[in-house]
Amino acid sequence: MGTYVDQAKGNGELLADVPVDTFRSHIRFIEKHNLWDEVRGALAEAGVDTVAMDIRPVRVISELVAAKGDALPEEADHSGAVVTPECGCDSISGRPPVTPVGGGDAGAGDAGARPQ
C-alpha cells in the first residue's frame, strides 16, 4: 500500500490545510456515530493506510495526550474498553438504575455509600 504521502506525491496531489474546527467536527462525528470501522474500510479501499500530518500538530497533540493521560486516575475510561459495572449502577452517573417498580436499590441492604 505505502504511505499516503508517497501516493499523493505520485498522483501530483498536495497536502491540504484543514482548519482545526473542521478536523474536530469530522473526528467528533466519526466517534459519536462509531464509524471508525467504516472509516478504516473506506481508507483501506482507497489504498490509504496512514494519515499524513504536519509534525507540529502531531507533537502538540501527542504531548497533550501524554500529559492528560498521566493525570488521569488508573480507573479512567480507556479507549475501546468495555466496562460492565458490577454494582448494577448506571455507568454514566454512578447511580443505581431507575426501574418502573422501586428506585433500583432493592436488595442493596447496607452496602455503604453510593458511588458519586
N, C-alpha and C. Protein backbone atom coordinates (compact mmCIF):
# COMPACT_ATOMS: atom_id res chain seq x y z
N MET A 1 0.80 -1.19 0.00
CA MET A 1 0.00 0.00 0.00
C MET A 1 0.85 1.26 0.00
N GLY A 2 1.75 1.38 0.94
CA GLY A 2 2.56 2.58 1.02
C GLY A 2 1.87 3.66 1.82
N THR A 3 2.60 4.73 2.05
CA THR A 3 2.03 5.82 2.83
C THR A 3 1.25 6.76 1.92
N TYR A 4 0.32 7.49 2.52
CA TYR A 4 -0.47 8.44 1.76
C TYR A 4 0.43 9.51 1.14
N VAL A 5 1.45 9.94 1.88
CA VAL A 5 2.35 10.97 1.35
C VAL A 5 2.98 10.50 0.05
N ASP A 6 3.47 9.24 0.03
CA ASP A 6 4.07 8.70 -1.19
C ASP A 6 3.04 8.64 -2.32
N GLN A 7 1.82 8.19 -2.00
CA GLN A 7 0.78 8.09 -3.01
C GLN A 7 0.38 9.47 -3.52
N ALA A 8 0.28 10.43 -2.62
CA ALA A 8 -0.11 11.78 -3.01
C ALA A 8 0.94 12.39 -3.93
N LYS A 9 2.20 12.17 -3.61
CA LYS A 9 3.27 12.69 -4.47
C LYS A 9 3.17 12.07 -5.86
N GLY A 10 2.91 10.76 -5.88
CA GLY A 10 2.80 10.06 -7.15
C GLY A 10 1.62 10.51 -7.98
N ASN A 11 0.54 10.95 -7.33
CA ASN A 11 -0.65 11.41 -8.03
C ASN A 11 -0.62 12.92 -8.26
N GLY A 12 0.45 13.58 -7.86
CA GLY A 12 0.56 15.02 -8.02
C GLY A 12 -0.31 15.80 -7.04
N GLU A 13 -0.81 15.14 -6.00
CA GLU A 13 -1.64 15.82 -5.01
C GLU A 13 -0.77 16.47 -3.95
N LEU A 14 -1.30 17.49 -3.32
CA LEU A 14 -0.60 18.16 -2.24
C LEU A 14 -1.36 17.92 -0.94
N LEU A 15 -0.69 18.10 0.17
CA LEU A 15 -1.37 18.02 1.45
C LEU A 15 -2.28 19.23 1.58
N ALA A 16 -3.38 19.08 2.31
CA ALA A 16 -4.34 20.16 2.48
C ALA A 16 -4.25 20.73 3.88
N ASP A 17 -4.43 22.03 3.98
CA ASP A 17 -4.56 22.67 5.29
C ASP A 17 -6.02 22.56 5.68
N VAL A 18 -6.27 21.92 6.82
CA VAL A 18 -7.63 21.74 7.30
C VAL A 18 -7.78 22.52 8.60
N PRO A 19 -8.76 23.43 8.67
CA PRO A 19 -8.95 24.16 9.93
C PRO A 19 -9.20 23.19 11.09
N VAL A 20 -8.69 23.54 12.26
CA VAL A 20 -8.82 22.69 13.44
C VAL A 20 -10.29 22.39 13.72
N ASP A 21 -11.18 23.38 13.56
CA ASP A 21 -12.60 23.15 13.82
C ASP A 21 -13.21 22.13 12.86
N THR A 22 -12.76 22.13 11.61
CA THR A 22 -13.24 21.14 10.64
C THR A 22 -12.74 19.76 11.01
N PHE A 23 -11.46 19.65 11.35
CA PHE A 23 -10.88 18.38 11.79
C PHE A 23 -11.64 17.86 13.00
N ARG A 24 -11.87 18.73 13.98
CA ARG A 24 -12.59 18.36 15.20
C ARG A 24 -14.00 17.89 14.88
N SER A 25 -14.68 18.60 14.02
CA SER A 25 -16.05 18.25 13.65
C SER A 25 -16.11 16.86 13.02
N HIS A 26 -15.20 16.57 12.12
CA HIS A 26 -15.17 15.26 11.48
C HIS A 26 -14.87 14.14 12.47
N ILE A 27 -13.87 14.35 13.32
CA ILE A 27 -13.49 13.33 14.30
C ILE A 27 -14.64 13.10 15.29
N ARG A 28 -15.27 14.17 15.75
CA ARG A 28 -16.39 14.03 16.67
C ARG A 28 -17.56 13.27 16.03
N PHE A 29 -17.84 13.56 14.76
CA PHE A 29 -18.92 12.86 14.06
C PHE A 29 -18.61 11.37 13.96
N ILE A 30 -17.38 11.06 13.58
CA ILE A 30 -16.95 9.65 13.47
C ILE A 30 -17.08 8.96 14.81
N GLU A 31 -16.60 9.59 15.87
CA GLU A 31 -16.66 8.99 17.20
C GLU A 31 -18.10 8.86 17.69
N LYS A 32 -18.88 9.93 17.53
CA LYS A 32 -20.27 9.92 18.02
C LYS A 32 -21.09 8.80 17.39
N HIS A 33 -20.84 8.53 16.12
CA HIS A 33 -21.62 7.52 15.40
C HIS A 33 -20.88 6.20 15.25
N ASN A 34 -19.76 6.06 15.97
CA ASN A 34 -18.97 4.83 15.97
C ASN A 34 -18.67 4.35 14.55
N LEU A 35 -18.09 5.23 13.77
CA LEU A 35 -17.81 4.94 12.35
C LEU A 35 -16.36 4.57 12.07
N TRP A 36 -15.59 4.27 13.11
CA TRP A 36 -14.17 4.01 12.89
C TRP A 36 -13.93 2.83 11.96
N ASP A 37 -14.69 1.76 12.08
CA ASP A 37 -14.50 0.62 11.18
C ASP A 37 -14.80 1.01 9.74
N GLU A 38 -15.86 1.81 9.53
CA GLU A 38 -16.20 2.27 8.19
C GLU A 38 -15.12 3.18 7.62
N VAL A 39 -14.58 4.06 8.48
CA VAL A 39 -13.51 4.95 8.04
C VAL A 39 -12.28 4.14 7.64
N ARG A 40 -11.89 3.19 8.49
CA ARG A 40 -10.75 2.32 8.15
C ARG A 40 -10.98 1.58 6.84
N GLY A 41 -12.18 1.04 6.68
CA GLY A 41 -12.51 0.30 5.47
C GLY A 41 -12.45 1.18 4.23
N ALA A 42 -13.02 2.38 4.32
CA ALA A 42 -13.00 3.30 3.18
C ALA A 42 -11.58 3.72 2.83
N LEU A 43 -10.77 3.98 3.86
CA LEU A 43 -9.38 4.35 3.61
C LEU A 43 -8.61 3.18 3.00
N ALA A 44 -8.80 1.98 3.54
CA ALA A 44 -8.11 0.80 3.00
C ALA A 44 -8.51 0.55 1.56
N GLU A 45 -9.80 0.73 1.26
CA GLU A 45 -10.29 0.54 -0.11
C GLU A 45 -9.64 1.54 -1.06
N ALA A 46 -9.33 2.73 -0.55
CA ALA A 46 -8.66 3.75 -1.36
C ALA A 46 -7.15 3.58 -1.36
N GLY A 47 -6.65 2.53 -0.66
CA GLY A 47 -5.22 2.27 -0.61
C GLY A 47 -4.48 3.15 0.38
N VAL A 48 -5.21 3.70 1.33
CA VAL A 48 -4.60 4.60 2.32
C VAL A 48 -4.49 3.87 3.65
N ASP A 49 -3.25 3.73 4.14
CA ASP A 49 -3.07 3.08 5.43
C ASP A 49 -2.37 3.97 6.45
N THR A 50 -2.14 5.22 6.10
CA THR A 50 -1.61 6.21 7.03
C THR A 50 -2.30 7.54 6.74
N VAL A 51 -2.25 8.44 7.71
CA VAL A 51 -2.79 9.78 7.53
C VAL A 51 -1.63 10.75 7.67
N ALA A 52 -1.37 11.50 6.62
CA ALA A 52 -0.26 12.44 6.63
C ALA A 52 -0.63 13.68 7.43
N MET A 53 0.24 14.05 8.37
CA MET A 53 0.02 15.25 9.17
C MET A 53 1.34 15.96 9.36
N ASP A 54 1.27 17.26 9.41
CA ASP A 54 2.43 18.07 9.72
C ASP A 54 2.93 17.66 11.11
N ILE A 55 4.23 17.63 11.31
CA ILE A 55 4.79 17.18 12.57
C ILE A 55 4.43 18.11 13.73
N ARG A 56 4.19 19.39 13.46
CA ARG A 56 3.87 20.32 14.55
C ARG A 56 2.59 19.94 15.27
N PRO A 57 1.45 19.75 14.58
CA PRO A 57 0.25 19.35 15.33
C PRO A 57 0.39 17.96 15.93
N VAL A 58 1.12 17.08 15.27
CA VAL A 58 1.32 15.73 15.83
C VAL A 58 2.03 15.84 17.17
N ARG A 59 3.07 16.65 17.25
CA ARG A 59 3.81 16.81 18.51
C ARG A 59 2.94 17.45 19.59
N VAL A 60 2.22 18.51 19.23
CA VAL A 60 1.38 19.20 20.21
C VAL A 60 0.32 18.25 20.75
N ILE A 61 -0.36 17.55 19.85
CA ILE A 61 -1.42 16.62 20.27
C ILE A 61 -0.83 15.48 21.08
N SER A 62 0.29 14.93 20.66
CA SER A 62 0.93 13.83 21.39
C SER A 62 1.33 14.25 22.80
N GLU A 63 1.89 15.44 22.93
CA GLU A 63 2.29 15.93 24.25
C GLU A 63 1.07 16.16 25.14
N LEU A 64 0.00 16.73 24.56
CA LEU A 64 -1.22 16.97 25.32
C LEU A 64 -1.83 15.66 25.78
N VAL A 65 -1.92 14.68 24.89
CA VAL A 65 -2.49 13.38 25.24
C VAL A 65 -1.65 12.71 26.33
N ALA A 66 -0.33 12.76 26.19
CA ALA A 66 0.55 12.15 27.20
C ALA A 66 0.35 12.82 28.56
N ALA A 67 0.30 14.15 28.58
CA ALA A 67 0.13 14.87 29.84
C ALA A 67 -1.24 14.57 30.46
N LYS A 68 -2.29 14.60 29.66
CA LYS A 68 -3.63 14.33 30.17
C LYS A 68 -3.74 12.87 30.62
N GLY A 69 -3.14 11.96 29.87
CA GLY A 69 -3.18 10.55 30.22
C GLY A 69 -2.48 10.28 31.54
N ASP A 70 -1.36 10.95 31.78
CA ASP A 70 -0.64 10.78 33.04
C ASP A 70 -1.45 11.33 34.21
N ALA A 71 -2.27 12.34 33.96
CA ALA A 71 -3.04 12.98 35.02
C ALA A 71 -4.32 12.22 35.37
N LEU A 72 -4.75 11.32 34.50
CA LEU A 72 -5.99 10.58 34.74
C LEU A 72 -5.77 9.48 35.77
N PRO A 73 -6.79 9.21 36.58
CA PRO A 73 -6.66 8.10 37.53
C PRO A 73 -6.64 6.77 36.78
N GLU A 74 -6.10 5.77 37.43
CA GLU A 74 -5.99 4.45 36.81
C GLU A 74 -7.34 3.90 36.39
N GLU A 75 -8.42 4.28 37.09
CA GLU A 75 -9.74 3.75 36.79
C GLU A 75 -10.39 4.47 35.61
N ALA A 76 -9.72 5.43 35.02
CA ALA A 76 -10.32 6.22 33.94
C ALA A 76 -10.72 5.31 32.79
N ASP A 77 -11.74 5.76 32.06
CA ASP A 77 -12.22 5.03 30.90
C ASP A 77 -11.11 4.96 29.87
N HIS A 78 -10.80 3.78 29.42
CA HIS A 78 -9.76 3.58 28.42
C HIS A 78 -10.40 3.38 27.06
N SER A 79 -9.82 4.00 26.06
CA SER A 79 -10.37 3.93 24.71
C SER A 79 -10.55 2.49 24.28
N GLY A 80 -11.73 2.18 23.81
CA GLY A 80 -12.00 0.84 23.30
C GLY A 80 -12.36 -0.17 24.38
N ALA A 81 -12.25 0.23 25.65
CA ALA A 81 -12.55 -0.71 26.73
C ALA A 81 -14.05 -0.87 26.89
N VAL A 82 -14.46 -2.06 27.22
CA VAL A 82 -15.86 -2.31 27.51
C VAL A 82 -15.95 -2.57 29.01
N VAL A 83 -16.66 -1.70 29.70
CA VAL A 83 -16.74 -1.80 31.15
C VAL A 83 -18.18 -2.11 31.53
N THR A 84 -18.36 -3.17 32.28
CA THR A 84 -19.67 -3.52 32.81
C THR A 84 -19.64 -3.30 34.30
N PRO A 85 -20.39 -2.31 34.80
CA PRO A 85 -20.35 -2.05 36.23
C PRO A 85 -20.86 -3.25 37.01
N GLU A 86 -20.13 -3.64 38.04
CA GLU A 86 -20.52 -4.80 38.86
C GLU A 86 -21.63 -4.44 39.84
N CYS A 87 -21.80 -3.14 40.14
CA CYS A 87 -22.77 -2.74 41.13
C CYS A 87 -24.17 -2.61 40.57
N GLY A 88 -24.34 -2.75 39.26
CA GLY A 88 -25.63 -2.55 38.64
C GLY A 88 -25.97 -1.09 38.51
N CYS A 89 -24.96 -0.22 38.69
CA CYS A 89 -25.18 1.22 38.61
C CYS A 89 -25.24 1.66 37.15
N ASP A 90 -25.86 2.80 36.96
CA ASP A 90 -25.83 3.46 35.66
C ASP A 90 -24.37 3.84 35.42
N SER A 91 -23.76 3.33 34.37
CA SER A 91 -22.33 3.53 34.17
C SER A 91 -21.96 4.98 33.93
N ILE A 92 -22.93 5.84 33.60
CA ILE A 92 -22.61 7.24 33.37
C ILE A 92 -22.69 8.04 34.67
N SER A 93 -23.81 7.90 35.38
CA SER A 93 -24.00 8.72 36.59
C SER A 93 -23.45 8.06 37.83
N GLY A 94 -23.31 6.72 37.82
CA GLY A 94 -22.87 6.01 39.00
C GLY A 94 -24.00 5.71 39.96
N ARG A 95 -25.24 6.15 39.62
CA ARG A 95 -26.39 5.89 40.47
C ARG A 95 -27.06 4.59 40.05
N PRO A 96 -27.75 3.94 41.00
CA PRO A 96 -28.48 2.73 40.64
C PRO A 96 -29.51 3.04 39.57
N PRO A 97 -29.77 2.10 38.67
CA PRO A 97 -30.75 2.36 37.61
C PRO A 97 -32.15 2.53 38.20
N VAL A 98 -32.92 3.38 37.57
CA VAL A 98 -34.31 3.59 37.99
C VAL A 98 -35.16 2.57 37.26
N THR A 99 -35.97 1.85 38.02
CA THR A 99 -36.82 0.83 37.43
C THR A 99 -38.27 1.24 37.61
N PRO A 100 -39.19 0.69 36.81
CA PRO A 100 -40.60 1.05 36.97
C PRO A 100 -41.13 0.76 38.36
N VAL A 101 -40.58 -0.23 39.05
CA VAL A 101 -41.02 -0.57 40.39
C VAL A 101 -39.86 -0.32 41.32
N GLY A 102 -39.97 0.65 42.18
CA GLY A 102 -38.89 0.95 43.12
C GLY A 102 -37.86 1.86 42.50
N GLY A 103 -36.84 2.14 43.27
CA GLY A 103 -35.82 3.08 42.82
C GLY A 103 -34.52 2.43 42.45
N GLY A 104 -34.48 1.13 42.38
CA GLY A 104 -33.24 0.49 41.97
C GLY A 104 -32.36 0.05 43.11
N ASP A 105 -32.78 0.27 44.36
CA ASP A 105 -31.96 -0.11 45.49
C ASP A 105 -32.38 -1.45 46.10
N ALA A 106 -33.32 -2.13 45.47
CA ALA A 106 -33.83 -3.39 46.03
C ALA A 106 -32.70 -4.37 46.28
N GLY A 107 -32.66 -4.87 47.49
CA GLY A 107 -31.66 -5.87 47.83
C GLY A 107 -30.30 -5.29 48.13
N ALA A 108 -30.15 -3.97 48.10
CA ALA A 108 -28.86 -3.38 48.33
C ALA A 108 -28.45 -3.49 49.79
N GLY A 109 -29.44 -3.50 50.66
CA GLY A 109 -29.12 -3.61 52.08
C GLY A 109 -28.27 -2.45 52.54
N ASP A 110 -27.36 -2.73 53.46
CA ASP A 110 -26.46 -1.69 53.94
C ASP A 110 -25.11 -1.88 53.29
N ALA A 111 -25.08 -1.62 51.98
CA ALA A 111 -23.85 -1.84 51.22
C ALA A 111 -22.91 -0.66 51.30
N GLY A 112 -23.26 0.35 52.09
CA GLY A 112 -22.39 1.51 52.20
C GLY A 112 -22.87 2.62 51.27
N ALA A 113 -22.06 3.65 51.18
CA ALA A 113 -22.43 4.81 50.39
C ALA A 113 -22.47 4.49 48.92
N ARG A 114 -23.37 5.18 48.21
CA ARG A 114 -23.45 5.01 46.76
C ARG A 114 -22.28 5.70 46.10
N PRO A 115 -21.84 5.19 44.95
CA PRO A 115 -20.78 5.88 44.22
C PRO A 115 -21.29 7.24 43.73
N GLN A 116 -20.45 8.24 43.74
CA GLN A 116 -20.84 9.57 43.26
C GLN A 116 -20.43 9.77 41.83
